[in-house]
Amino acid sequence: MSTRAGRGRRAGGADTRGEILDAARASFAEAGYGGTSIRRVAAAAGVDPSLVHHYFGTKDDLFIAALEMPTDPRRIMAAVAEGDRETVGARLVEAFLDVWDDPDARLRLLAIVRSGVVGEPGRTIVETAMKRLVFGFLVQALGIEDGDRRFSLVASQMAGLVMTRYVLQLEPIASMPREEVVAWVGPTLQRYLTDPTP
């Protein structure tokens, strides 16, 4: 039998974490990242906000958990941002391939991508994930200007790579060695990230 918190909200139980995640997914889909708060998610799940923080930490942590991402993109982008600014494009492609070429991670990522293709809520969530947790991290770490425009260009290249290599599996790119993919795509991302605005 579940106990009740002093303010009338139930304490954590066996299914509480899952109910919080369900509420978070619904909120992120309906209200977007900006319109979602820990309090909103807690209210929808019928728990105290402190319990959401207990299970998930920050709103970014909750967002990542709600997406069921196979790895934390913030950790990956921290590694990409380190090192020579003039080779960040290649490092970004290498990190991207590290994640996508892992069979287990690829299954989850394909589900995320497909949810973003078929409907508005999924598209909004995927866009937010890319913009905030992937590219947003690089913009801040590298001091990149004109971030929105550069984000859309990088995203167009990476989305095309996902579709051709992993979704449609078009040859020869589907079986192209990773070093060749980096050699082809890295300079393009480098230009998008660091070249002066035309």
Protein backbone atom coordinates (compact mmCIF):
# COMPACT_ATOMS: atom_id res chain seq x y z
CA MET A 1 0.00 0.00 0.00
CA SER A 2 1.43 3.39 -0.97
CA THR A 3 1.91 6.07 1.66
CA ARG A 4 0.84 9.67 1.27
CA ALA A 5 3.13 12.64 1.51
CA GLY A 6 2.22 15.41 3.90
CA ARG A 7 0.90 17.60 1.08
CA GLY A 8 -1.39 14.89 -0.27
CA ARG A 9 0.93 13.60 -2.95
CA ARG A 10 2.00 10.02 -2.88
CA ALA A 11 5.51 8.94 -2.04
CA GLY A 12 7.63 6.89 -4.37
CA GLY A 13 6.50 3.37 -5.13
CA ALA A 14 7.47 0.56 -7.46
CA ASP A 15 5.91 2.22 -10.50
CA THR A 16 6.52 5.87 -9.57
CA ARG A 17 9.59 6.30 -11.76
CA GLY A 18 7.73 4.99 -14.81
CA GLU A 19 4.74 7.24 -14.11
CA ILE A 20 7.01 10.27 -13.85
CA LEU A 21 8.61 9.35 -17.17
CA ASP A 22 5.20 8.95 -18.80
CA ALA A 23 4.16 12.36 -17.50
CA ALA A 24 7.43 13.89 -18.68
CA ARG A 25 7.10 12.44 -22.19
CA ALA A 26 3.55 13.77 -22.46
CA SER A 27 4.59 17.21 -21.25
CA PHE A 28 7.64 17.49 -23.50
CA ALA A 29 5.50 16.43 -26.47
CA GLU A 30 2.67 18.82 -25.66
CA ALA A 31 4.44 21.85 -24.23
CA GLY A 32 7.98 21.44 -25.53
CA TYR A 33 11.10 21.78 -23.44
CA GLY A 34 10.48 25.39 -22.48
CA GLY A 35 6.90 24.76 -21.39
CA THR A 36 7.79 21.76 -19.26
CA SER A 37 8.85 22.17 -15.65
CA ILE A 38 9.64 19.75 -12.87
CA ARG A 39 6.53 21.02 -11.06
CA ARG A 40 4.33 20.41 -14.10
CA VAL A 41 5.62 16.86 -14.48
CA ALA A 42 5.25 16.19 -10.76
CA ALA A 43 1.67 17.44 -10.77
CA ALA A 44 0.77 15.24 -13.75
CA ALA A 45 2.34 12.22 -12.06
CA GLY A 46 0.73 13.01 -8.71
CA VAL A 47 4.00 13.26 -6.81
CA ASP A 48 5.97 15.95 -5.02
CA PRO A 49 8.55 17.79 -7.20
CA SER A 50 11.30 16.67 -4.82
CA LEU A 51 10.60 13.10 -5.86
CA VAL A 52 11.18 13.98 -9.53
CA HIS A 53 14.50 15.55 -8.54
CA HIS A 54 15.31 12.46 -6.47
CA TYR A 55 14.82 10.10 -9.41
CA PHE A 56 16.13 12.27 -12.24
CA GLY A 57 18.02 15.32 -11.02
CA THR A 58 17.67 18.33 -13.34
CA LYS A 59 15.19 18.98 -16.14
CA ASP A 60 17.89 18.13 -18.68
CA ASP A 61 18.44 14.79 -16.92
CA LEU A 62 14.70 14.15 -17.00
CA PHE A 63 14.56 15.04 -20.69
CA ILE A 64 17.34 12.58 -21.53
CA ALA A 65 15.63 9.86 -19.49
CA ALA A 66 12.29 10.56 -21.17
CA LEU A 67 13.90 10.11 -24.58
CA GLU A 68 15.54 6.88 -23.39
CA MET A 69 18.75 8.00 -25.06
CA PRO A 70 21.38 5.25 -25.02
CA THR A 71 24.06 7.61 -23.76
CA ASP A 72 24.24 11.10 -22.31
CA PRO A 73 24.94 13.50 -25.20
CA ARG A 74 26.34 16.10 -22.83
CA ARG A 75 29.24 13.80 -21.96
CA ILE A 76 29.91 13.11 -25.64
CA MET A 77 29.79 16.79 -26.60
CA ALA A 78 32.15 17.68 -23.76
CA ALA A 79 34.73 15.39 -25.36
CA VAL A 80 34.03 16.80 -28.84
CA ALA A 81 34.50 20.36 -27.59
CA GLU A 82 37.95 19.55 -26.19
CA GLY A 83 40.98 19.90 -28.41
CA ASP A 84 41.81 21.91 -31.50
CA ARG A 85 38.94 24.10 -32.68
CA GLU A 86 40.01 23.49 -36.27
CA THR A 87 39.27 19.75 -36.05
CA VAL A 88 35.97 19.89 -34.17
CA GLY A 89 34.05 18.89 -37.31
CA ALA A 90 35.93 15.61 -37.58
CA ARG A 91 35.53 14.93 -33.86
CA LEU A 92 31.80 15.53 -34.12
CA VAL A 93 31.47 13.00 -36.95
CA GLU A 94 33.61 10.47 -35.06
CA ALA A 95 31.44 10.82 -31.93
CA PHE A 96 28.31 10.50 -34.04
CA LEU A 97 29.57 7.29 -35.63
CA ASP A 98 30.70 5.89 -32.26
CA VAL A 99 27.10 6.08 -31.04
CA TRP A 100 25.26 5.11 -34.23
CA ASP A 101 27.52 2.18 -35.12
CA ASP A 102 26.75 0.52 -31.79
CA PRO A 103 23.92 -1.95 -32.61
CA ASP A 104 22.07 -1.56 -29.30
CA ALA A 105 22.24 2.22 -29.34
CA ARG A 106 21.18 2.32 -32.98
CA LEU A 107 17.89 0.55 -32.27
CA ARG A 108 16.88 3.17 -29.71
CA LEU A 109 18.10 6.06 -31.84
CA LEU A 110 16.18 4.81 -34.86
CA ALA A 111 13.02 4.77 -32.76
CA ILE A 112 13.70 8.37 -31.69
CA VAL A 113 14.35 9.46 -35.28
CA ARG A 114 11.22 7.77 -36.58
CA SER A 115 9.13 9.44 -33.89
CA GLY A 116 10.53 12.75 -35.08
CA VAL A 117 9.67 12.05 -38.70
CA VAL A 118 6.07 10.91 -38.36
CA GLY A 119 4.48 13.61 -36.22
CA GLU A 120 4.75 17.09 -34.76
CA PRO A 121 5.23 16.15 -31.08
CA GLY A 122 8.06 13.77 -31.92
CA ARG A 123 9.65 16.24 -34.29
CA THR A 124 9.60 18.93 -31.61
CA ILE A 125 11.20 16.63 -29.06
CA VAL A 126 13.95 15.48 -31.44
CA GLU A 127 14.66 19.06 -32.50
CA THR A 128 14.92 20.15 -28.87
CA ALA A 129 17.25 17.27 -28.05
CA MET A 130 19.55 18.12 -30.94
CA LYS A 131 19.46 21.85 -30.37
CA ARG A 132 19.80 21.89 -26.59
CA LEU A 133 21.82 18.81 -25.70
CA VAL A 134 24.03 18.37 -28.75
CA PHE A 135 24.59 21.55 -30.69
CA GLY A 136 23.73 23.92 -27.87
CA PHE A 137 26.57 22.45 -25.85
CA LEU A 138 29.04 23.09 -28.68
CA VAL A 139 27.78 26.64 -29.23
CA GLN A 140 28.47 27.45 -25.60
CA ALA A 141 31.73 25.54 -25.29
CA LEU A 142 33.25 26.93 -28.50
CA GLY A 143 31.74 30.41 -28.37
CA ILE A 144 30.07 29.93 -31.76
CA GLU A 145 28.13 32.90 -33.13
CA ASP A 146 25.01 32.73 -35.30
CA GLY A 147 24.15 29.46 -33.55
CA ASP A 148 20.64 28.88 -34.93
CA ARG A 149 21.73 29.10 -38.55
CA ARG A 150 24.78 26.95 -37.99
CA PHE A 151 22.71 24.43 -36.02
CA SER A 152 20.28 24.00 -38.91
CA LEU A 153 23.13 23.42 -41.35
CA VAL A 154 24.85 20.87 -39.10
CA ALA A 155 21.52 19.16 -38.44
CA SER A 156 20.78 18.92 -42.16
CA GLN A 157 24.09 17.14 -42.74
CA MET A 158 23.70 14.78 -39.79
CA ALA A 159 20.06 13.99 -40.60
CA GLY A 160 21.09 13.15 -44.16
CA LEU A 161 23.82 10.86 -42.84
CA VAL A 162 21.35 9.09 -40.55
CA MET A 163 18.87 8.56 -43.36
CA THR A 164 21.35 7.32 -45.95
CA ARG A 165 23.65 5.22 -43.75
CA TYR A 166 21.28 3.82 -41.12
CA VAL A 167 17.64 4.15 -42.20
CA LEU A 168 17.67 3.63 -45.97
CA GLN A 169 21.10 1.95 -45.92
CA LEU A 170 22.06 3.32 -49.30
CA GLU A 171 25.30 2.05 -50.77
CA PRO A 172 28.13 2.82 -50.81
CA ILE A 173 27.68 5.07 -47.75
CA ALA A 174 25.96 2.34 -45.70
CA SER A 175 29.12 0.23 -45.68
CA MET A 176 31.68 3.00 -46.10
CA PRO A 177 34.53 2.70 -43.56
CA ARG A 178 34.16 5.21 -40.78
CA GLU A 179 37.45 6.93 -41.60
CA GLU A 180 36.10 7.70 -45.08
CA VAL A 181 32.87 9.07 -43.64
CA VAL A 182 34.88 11.32 -41.33
CA ALA A 183 37.09 12.44 -44.20
CA TRP A 184 34.08 13.36 -46.36
CA VAL A 185 31.70 14.81 -43.79
CA GLY A 186 34.10 16.30 -41.23
CA PRO A 187 35.28 19.24 -43.38
CA THR A 188 31.68 20.16 -44.20
CA LEU A 189 30.73 20.27 -40.53
CA GLN A 190 33.90 22.21 -39.80
CA ARG A 191 32.87 24.84 -42.33
CA TYR A 192 29.38 25.04 -40.88
CA LEU A 193 30.71 25.39 -37.35
CA THR A 194 33.66 27.76 -37.65
CA ASP A 195 33.90 29.43 -41.07
CA PRO A 196 32.96 33.11 -41.33
CA THR A 197 29.35 33.77 -42.31
CA PRO A 198 29.13 34.16 -46.11
